[in-house]
Amino acid sequence: MLIPDKNAKYPNPLIPQLIFIKNDLTRDSISVGDYTYFDAGNSEISFEECVTHHYDFIGDNLIIGKFCAIASGIEFIMNGCNHRLASVTTYPFNIMGGQWADHAPKLTDLPYKGDTIIGNDVWFGQNVTVLPGVTIGNGSIIAANSVVTKDIPPYTVVGGNPARQIKKRFSDEVIQALEALAWWDWPIDTITKHLDVLTDSNLDLKKLTQLKNEVSHG
């Protein structure tokens, strides 16, 4: 069987709602790695429509790594959602037009959280909301219906509103080994060759060490 084409929009014709996101992007301010997919479910919404309040004049970016799985209902809220915090009122009078249009805030008046950065091999359940400026580490799992308000360490399971740590997926030693392994950066033929290990639920440090040594020595 052929390896799925990383440059195909629809990698599996049997699942038409599943797309490789990077092949459907039109905006330079959104960057997505190879093989990361979005499952739109029963809707016809595009991934870019799930990235809200994302205005070029703000200057923030959404950066997503490789091999992420993103379910339907995702929303990445970007920095354009923010209102003044230091003034008497947070109400955005300027967007209503008329005489109020002269009272637009300066960019320096608005909270700015920076880029939203998602690592590699992150799994998002359905209906997840990610707030501006969050960093989510490699291998993390975000439970359905969660609201992510702060950074998440690698290989951590979180859930809730606001999302809180449920557990670490592995021991600290295994997480460190997985970070060093960085399998998502291997050539796709190498990944395919070692899928038996990469998909093995009986994971331990010895297997990871053997795998790293094998890949390092070709």
C-alpha atoms as a PDB file:
ATOM      1  CA  MET A   1       0.000   0.000   0.000  1.00  0.00           C
ATOM      2  CA  LEU A   2       1.247   3.477  -0.860  1.00  0.00           C
ATOM      3  CA  ILE A   3       2.171   5.992   1.817  1.00  0.00           C
ATOM      4  CA  PRO A   4      -0.422   8.816   1.979  1.00  0.00           C
ATOM      5  CA  ASP A   5       0.668  11.842  -0.033  1.00  0.00           C
ATOM      6  CA  LYS A   6       1.541  14.718   2.309  1.00  0.00           C
ATOM      7  CA  ASN A   7       0.676  17.149  -0.505  1.00  0.00           C
ATOM      8  CA  ALA A   8      -2.842  15.821  -1.023  1.00  0.00           C
ATOM      9  CA  LYS A   9      -5.760  17.829   0.333  1.00  0.00           C
ATOM     10  CA  TYR A  10      -7.834  14.685   0.847  1.00  0.00           C
ATOM     11  CA  PRO A  11      -5.466  11.855   1.874  1.00  0.00           C
ATOM     12  CA  ASN A  12      -8.171   9.182   2.116  1.00  0.00           C
ATOM     13  CA  PRO A  13     -11.023   9.304  -0.438  1.00  0.00           C
ATOM     14  CA  LEU A  14     -13.099   7.126   1.897  1.00  0.00           C
ATOM     15  CA  ILE A  15     -13.131   9.930   4.506  1.00  0.00           C
ATOM     16  CA  PRO A  16     -13.962  13.069   2.490  1.00  0.00           C
ATOM     17  CA  GLN A  17     -14.324  15.334   5.537  1.00  0.00           C
ATOM     18  CA  LEU A  18     -10.692  14.750   6.521  1.00  0.00           C
ATOM     19  CA  ILE A  19      -8.069  17.071   5.036  1.00  0.00           C
ATOM     20  CA  PHE A  20      -4.353  17.687   5.393  1.00  0.00           C
ATOM     21  CA  ILE A  21      -4.600  21.304   6.528  1.00  0.00           C
ATOM     22  CA  LYS A  22      -1.402  22.689   4.998  1.00  0.00           C
ATOM     23  CA  ASN A  23      -2.727  21.915   1.522  1.00  0.00           C
ATOM     24  CA  ASP A  24      -5.842  24.037   2.057  1.00  0.00           C
ATOM     25  CA  LEU A  25      -4.307  27.216   3.501  1.00  0.00           C
ATOM     26  CA  THR A  26      -4.446  30.652   1.924  1.00  0.00           C
ATOM     27  CA  ARG A  27      -3.002  32.778   4.747  1.00  0.00           C
ATOM     28  CA  ASP A  28       0.703  33.279   5.461  1.00  0.00           C
ATOM     29  CA  SER A  29      -0.060  33.878   9.145  1.00  0.00           C
ATOM     30  CA  ILE A  30      -1.136  30.247   9.592  1.00  0.00           C
ATOM     31  CA  SER A  31       1.565  27.570   9.373  1.00  0.00           C
ATOM     32  CA  VAL A  32       0.783  23.854   9.624  1.00  0.00           C
ATOM     33  CA  GLY A  33       3.147  20.898   9.358  1.00  0.00           C
ATOM     34  CA  ASP A  34       2.950  17.819   7.177  1.00  0.00           C
ATOM     35  CA  TYR A  35       0.266  15.188   7.857  1.00  0.00           C
ATOM     36  CA  THR A  36      -1.638  17.321  10.375  1.00  0.00           C
ATOM     37  CA  TYR A  37      -5.313  16.852   9.624  1.00  0.00           C
ATOM     38  CA  PHE A  38      -8.648  18.495  10.346  1.00  0.00           C
ATOM     39  CA  ASP A  39     -11.837  16.443  10.472  1.00  0.00           C
ATOM     40  CA  ALA A  40     -14.712  18.796   9.738  1.00  0.00           C
ATOM     41  CA  GLY A  41     -17.315  16.207  10.725  1.00  0.00           C
ATOM     42  CA  ASN A  42     -20.691  16.843   9.126  1.00  0.00           C
ATOM     43  CA  SER A  43     -20.019  20.527   8.424  1.00  0.00           C
ATOM     44  CA  GLU A  44     -18.469  22.131   5.360  1.00  0.00           C
ATOM     45  CA  ILE A  45     -16.445  24.636   7.359  1.00  0.00           C
ATOM     46  CA  SER A  46     -12.822  25.143   6.364  1.00  0.00           C
ATOM     47  CA  PHE A  47      -9.997  25.076   8.898  1.00  0.00           C
ATOM     48  CA  GLU A  48      -9.236  28.754   8.327  1.00  0.00           C
ATOM     49  CA  GLU A  49     -12.805  29.594   9.370  1.00  0.00           C
ATOM     50  CA  CYS A  50     -11.978  27.986  12.735  1.00  0.00           C
ATOM     51  CA  VAL A  51      -9.231  30.569  13.318  1.00  0.00           C
ATOM     52  CA  THR A  52     -11.167  33.598  14.554  1.00  0.00           C
ATOM     53  CA  HIS A  53     -10.319  37.260  15.247  1.00  0.00           C
ATOM     54  CA  HIS A  54      -7.164  36.814  13.189  1.00  0.00           C
ATOM     55  CA  TYR A  55      -6.345  40.159  11.580  1.00  0.00           C
ATOM     56  CA  ASP A  56      -3.197  40.924   9.624  1.00  0.00           C
ATOM     57  CA  PHE A  57      -2.703  44.311  11.316  1.00  0.00           C
ATOM     58  CA  ILE A  58      -2.366  42.580  14.703  1.00  0.00           C
ATOM     59  CA  GLY A  59       0.607  40.518  13.481  1.00  0.00           C
ATOM     60  CA  ASP A  60       0.086  37.260  15.365  1.00  0.00           C
ATOM     61  CA  ASN A  61       0.592  33.800  13.900  1.00  0.00           C
ATOM     62  CA  LEU A  62      -0.898  30.358  14.404  1.00  0.00           C
ATOM     63  CA  ILE A  63       1.844  27.734  14.170  1.00  0.00           C
ATOM     64  CA  ILE A  64       0.964  24.021  14.258  1.00  0.00           C
ATOM     65  CA  GLY A  65       3.414  21.134  14.012  1.00  0.00           C
ATOM     66  CA  LYS A  66       3.318  17.820  12.181  1.00  0.00           C
ATOM     67  CA  PHE A  67       1.052  14.807  12.681  1.00  0.00           C
ATOM     68  CA  CYS A  68      -1.574  16.612  14.764  1.00  0.00           C
ATOM     69  CA  ALA A  69      -5.165  15.354  14.834  1.00  0.00           C
ATOM     70  CA  ILE A  70      -7.785  18.114  15.045  1.00  0.00           C
ATOM     71  CA  ALA A  71     -11.440  17.200  15.448  1.00  0.00           C
ATOM     72  CA  SER A  72     -14.511  19.186  14.432  1.00  0.00           C
ATOM     73  CA  GLY A  73     -15.597  22.178  16.466  1.00  0.00           C
ATOM     74  CA  ILE A  74     -12.064  23.481  17.026  1.00  0.00           C
ATOM     75  CA  GLU A  75     -11.645  27.234  17.489  1.00  0.00           C
ATOM     76  CA  PHE A  76      -8.350  29.058  17.742  1.00  0.00           C
ATOM     77  CA  ILE A  77      -9.154  32.535  19.062  1.00  0.00           C
ATOM     78  CA  MET A  78      -6.425  34.989  18.099  1.00  0.00           C
ATOM     79  CA  ASN A  79      -5.379  38.342  19.559  1.00  0.00           C
ATOM     80  CA  GLY A  80      -7.844  40.395  17.523  1.00  0.00           C
ATOM     81  CA  CYS A  81     -10.563  39.430  20.011  1.00  0.00           C
ATOM     82  CA  ASN A  82      -9.167  41.710  22.712  1.00  0.00           C
ATOM     83  CA  HIS A  83     -10.697  44.924  24.059  1.00  0.00           C
ATOM     84  CA  ARG A  84      -9.181  47.719  26.142  1.00  0.00           C
ATOM     85  CA  LEU A  85      -8.652  46.726  29.765  1.00  0.00           C
ATOM     86  CA  ALA A  86      -7.247  49.918  31.307  1.00  0.00           C
ATOM     87  CA  SER A  87     -10.026  52.338  30.275  1.00  0.00           C
ATOM     88  CA  VAL A  88     -13.308  53.008  32.112  1.00  0.00           C
ATOM     89  CA  THR A  89     -15.172  50.745  29.678  1.00  0.00           C
ATOM     90  CA  THR A  90     -14.158  47.766  27.563  1.00  0.00           C
ATOM     91  CA  TYR A  91     -16.947  48.468  25.036  1.00  0.00           C
ATOM     92  CA  PRO A  92     -15.590  48.820  21.440  1.00  0.00           C
ATOM     93  CA  PHE A  93     -17.459  51.994  20.478  1.00  0.00           C
ATOM     94  CA  ASN A  94     -15.361  52.455  17.335  1.00  0.00           C
ATOM     95  CA  ILE A  95     -16.618  49.365  15.530  1.00  0.00           C
ATOM     96  CA  MET A  96     -20.192  50.729  15.565  1.00  0.00           C
ATOM     97  CA  GLY A  97     -19.231  53.581  13.242  1.00  0.00           C
ATOM     98  CA  GLY A  98     -20.528  57.139  13.107  1.00  0.00           C
ATOM     99  CA  GLN A  99     -19.004  59.580  15.570  1.00  0.00           C
ATOM    100  CA  TRP A 100     -17.824  56.622  17.642  1.00  0.00           C
ATOM    101  CA  ALA A 101     -15.394  55.537  14.906  1.00  0.00           C
ATOM    102  CA  ASP A 102     -12.880  58.154  16.062  1.00  0.00           C
ATOM    103  CA  HIS A 103     -12.350  56.313  19.329  1.00  0.00           C
ATOM    104  CA  ALA A 104     -10.489  53.279  18.046  1.00  0.00           C
ATOM    105  CA  PRO A 105      -7.907  51.877  20.463  1.00  0.00           C
ATOM    106  CA  LYS A 106      -4.238  51.913  19.662  1.00  0.00           C
ATOM    107  CA  LEU A 107      -2.654  48.480  19.320  1.00  0.00           C
ATOM    108  CA  THR A 108      -0.656  49.274  22.449  1.00  0.00           C
ATOM    109  CA  ASP A 109      -3.943  49.682  24.359  1.00  0.00           C
ATOM    110  CA  LEU A 110      -4.939  46.078  23.658  1.00  0.00           C
ATOM    111  CA  PRO A 111      -3.700  42.957  25.442  1.00  0.00           C
ATOM    112  CA  TYR A 112      -1.346  40.992  23.200  1.00  0.00           C
ATOM    113  CA  LYS A 113      -0.452  37.400  24.030  1.00  0.00           C
ATOM    114  CA  GLY A 114       1.750  36.649  21.007  1.00  0.00           C
ATOM    115  CA  ASP A 115       1.678  33.684  18.652  1.00  0.00           C
ATOM    116  CA  THR A 116      -0.305  30.525  19.319  1.00  0.00           C
ATOM    117  CA  ILE A 117       2.075  27.574  18.994  1.00  0.00           C
ATOM    118  CA  ILE A 118       1.022  23.932  18.814  1.00  0.00           C
ATOM    119  CA  GLY A 119       3.666  21.201  18.891  1.00  0.00           C
ATOM    120  CA  ASN A 120       3.752  17.930  16.982  1.00  0.00           C
ATOM    121  CA  ASP A 121       1.511  14.892  17.471  1.00  0.00           C
ATOM    122  CA  VAL A 122      -1.113  16.837  19.456  1.00  0.00           C
ATOM    123  CA  TRP A 123      -4.643  15.417  19.553  1.00  0.00           C
ATOM    124  CA  PHE A 124      -7.589  17.809  19.890  1.00  0.00           C
ATOM    125  CA  GLY A 125     -10.973  16.328  20.794  1.00  0.00           C
ATOM    126  CA  GLN A 126     -14.206  17.831  19.494  1.00  0.00           C
ATOM    127  CA  ASN A 127     -15.283  21.377  20.313  1.00  0.00           C
ATOM    128  CA  VAL A 128     -12.012  22.599  21.807  1.00  0.00           C
ATOM    129  CA  THR A 129     -11.322  26.330  22.157  1.00  0.00           C
ATOM    130  CA  VAL A 130      -7.748  27.645  22.357  1.00  0.00           C
ATOM    131  CA  LEU A 131      -7.197  31.202  23.594  1.00  0.00           C
ATOM    132  CA  PRO A 132      -4.541  33.587  22.196  1.00  0.00           C
ATOM    133  CA  GLY A 133      -0.839  33.124  22.847  1.00  0.00           C
ATOM    134  CA  VAL A 134      -1.028  29.569  24.170  1.00  0.00           C
ATOM    135  CA  THR A 135       1.771  27.033  23.621  1.00  0.00           C
ATOM    136  CA  ILE A 136       0.836  23.336  23.625  1.00  0.00           C
ATOM    137  CA  GLY A 137       3.683  20.836  23.879  1.00  0.00           C
ATOM    138  CA  ASN A 138       4.373  17.821  21.688  1.00  0.00           C
ATOM    139  CA  GLY A 139       2.252  14.731  22.212  1.00  0.00           C
ATOM    140  CA  SER A 140      -0.415  16.402  24.333  1.00  0.00           C
ATOM    141  CA  ILE A 141      -4.091  15.424  24.353  1.00  0.00           C
ATOM    142  CA  ILE A 142      -6.851  18.023  24.703  1.00  0.00           C
ATOM    143  CA  ALA A 143     -10.147  16.507  25.843  1.00  0.00           C
ATOM    144  CA  ALA A 144     -13.400  17.331  24.061  1.00  0.00           C
ATOM    145  CA  ASN A 145     -15.151  20.579  25.036  1.00  0.00           C
ATOM    146  CA  SER A 146     -12.038  21.995  26.718  1.00  0.00           C
ATOM    147  CA  VAL A 147     -11.042  25.662  26.829  1.00  0.00           C
ATOM    148  CA  VAL A 148      -7.260  26.041  26.782  1.00  0.00           C
ATOM    149  CA  THR A 149      -6.241  29.231  28.562  1.00  0.00           C
ATOM    150  CA  LYS A 150      -2.562  28.603  29.360  1.00  0.00           C
ATOM    151  CA  ASP A 151       0.482  26.661  28.182  1.00  0.00           C
ATOM    152  CA  ILE A 152       0.442  22.854  28.304  1.00  0.00           C
ATOM    153  CA  PRO A 153       3.635  20.803  28.840  1.00  0.00           C
ATOM    154  CA  PRO A 154       4.550  18.007  26.403  1.00  0.00           C
ATOM    155  CA  TYR A 155       2.749  14.669  26.654  1.00  0.00           C
ATOM    156  CA  THR A 156       0.090  15.951  29.032  1.00  0.00           C
ATOM    157  CA  VAL A 157      -3.640  15.143  29.031  1.00  0.00           C
ATOM    158  CA  VAL A 158      -5.830  18.138  29.881  1.00  0.00           C
ATOM    159  CA  GLY A 159      -9.550  18.775  30.028  1.00  0.00           C
ATOM    160  CA  GLY A 160     -12.202  21.141  31.303  1.00  0.00           C
ATOM    161  CA  ASN A 161     -12.993  24.842  31.297  1.00  0.00           C
ATOM    162  CA  PRO A 162     -10.431  26.127  31.919  1.00  0.00           C
ATOM    163  CA  ALA A 163      -8.404  23.095  30.853  1.00  0.00           C
ATOM    164  CA  ARG A 164      -6.432  21.562  33.704  1.00  0.00           C
ATOM    165  CA  GLN A 165      -3.925  18.737  33.798  1.00  0.00           C
ATOM    166  CA  ILE A 166      -5.547  15.326  34.146  1.00  0.00           C
ATOM    167  CA  LYS A 167      -2.352  13.324  33.949  1.00  0.00           C
ATOM    168  CA  LYS A 168       0.988  12.966  32.251  1.00  0.00           C
ATOM    169  CA  ARG A 169       0.894  10.363  29.537  1.00  0.00           C
ATOM    170  CA  PHE A 170       4.242   8.838  30.543  1.00  0.00           C
ATOM    171  CA  SER A 171       6.981   9.097  33.138  1.00  0.00           C
ATOM    172  CA  ASP A 172       9.352  12.061  33.005  1.00  0.00           C
ATOM    173  CA  GLU A 173      12.113   9.782  31.703  1.00  0.00           C
ATOM    174  CA  VAL A 174       9.971   8.478  28.841  1.00  0.00           C
ATOM    175  CA  ILE A 175       8.764  11.994  27.969  1.00  0.00           C
ATOM    176  CA  GLN A 176      12.361  13.194  27.812  1.00  0.00           C
ATOM    177  CA  ALA A 177      13.234  10.268  25.536  1.00  0.00           C
ATOM    178  CA  LEU A 178      10.252  10.979  23.273  1.00  0.00           C
ATOM    179  CA  GLU A 179      11.215  14.628  22.966  1.00  0.00           C
ATOM    180  CA  ALA A 180      14.745  13.588  21.999  1.00  0.00           C
ATOM    181  CA  LEU A 181      13.409  10.989  19.567  1.00  0.00           C
ATOM    182  CA  ALA A 182      11.387  13.623  17.659  1.00  0.00           C
ATOM    183  CA  TRP A 183      10.060  10.927  15.350  1.00  0.00           C
ATOM    184  CA  TRP A 184       7.912  13.429  13.434  1.00  0.00           C
ATOM    185  CA  ASP A 185      11.063  14.848  11.864  1.00  0.00           C
ATOM    186  CA  TRP A 186      12.196  11.515  10.401  1.00  0.00           C
ATOM    187  CA  PRO A 187      11.844  10.816   6.671  1.00  0.00           C
ATOM    188  CA  ILE A 188       8.405   9.372   6.024  1.00  0.00           C
ATOM    189  CA  ASP A 189       9.893   6.060   4.838  1.00  0.00           C
ATOM    190  CA  THR A 190      11.667   5.722   8.195  1.00  0.00           C
ATOM    191  CA  ILE A 191       8.449   6.501  10.081  1.00  0.00           C
ATOM    192  CA  THR A 192       6.575   3.920   8.041  1.00  0.00           C
ATOM    193  CA  LYS A 193       9.255   1.300   8.610  1.00  0.00           C
ATOM    194  CA  HIS A 194       8.991   1.705  12.389  1.00  0.00           C
ATOM    195  CA  LEU A 195       5.215   2.033  12.766  1.00  0.00           C
ATOM    196  CA  ASP A 196       5.069  -1.236  14.699  1.00  0.00           C
ATOM    197  CA  VAL A 197       7.033   0.420  17.494  1.00  0.00           C
ATOM    198  CA  LEU A 198       5.498   3.889  17.155  1.00  0.00           C
ATOM    199  CA  THR A 199       1.998   2.424  17.522  1.00  0.00           C
ATOM    200  CA  ASP A 200       2.861  -0.118  20.249  1.00  0.00           C
ATOM    201  CA  SER A 201       0.917   0.526  23.473  1.00  0.00           C
ATOM    202  CA  ASN A 202       3.525  -1.327  25.539  1.00  0.00           C
ATOM    203  CA  LEU A 203       5.918   1.598  25.573  1.00  0.00           C
ATOM    204  CA  ASP A 204       9.024   1.694  27.743  1.00  0.00           C
ATOM    205  CA  LEU A 205      12.374   3.450  27.875  1.00  0.00           C
ATOM    206  CA  LYS A 206      14.287   0.431  26.609  1.00  0.00           C
ATOM    207  CA  LYS A 207      12.233   0.234  23.405  1.00  0.00           C
ATOM    208  CA  LEU A 208      12.695   3.949  22.767  1.00  0.00           C
ATOM    209  CA  THR A 209      16.436   3.708  23.261  1.00  0.00           C
ATOM    210  CA  GLN A 210      16.666   0.754  20.888  1.00  0.00           C
ATOM    211  CA  LEU A 211      14.539   2.587  18.343  1.00  0.00           C
ATOM    212  CA  LYS A 212      16.654   5.736  18.499  1.00  0.00           C
ATOM    213  CA  ASN A 213      19.854   3.730  18.091  1.00  0.00           C
ATOM    214  CA  GLU A 214      18.439   1.819  15.143  1.00  0.00           C
ATOM    215  CA  VAL A 215      17.287   4.962  13.350  1.00  0.00           C
ATOM    216  CA  SER A 216      20.536   6.812  14.112  1.00  0.00           C
ATOM    217  CA  HIS A 217      22.583   4.011  12.554  1.00  0.00           C
ATOM    218  CA  GLY A 218      20.349   3.673   9.523  1.00  0.00           C
END
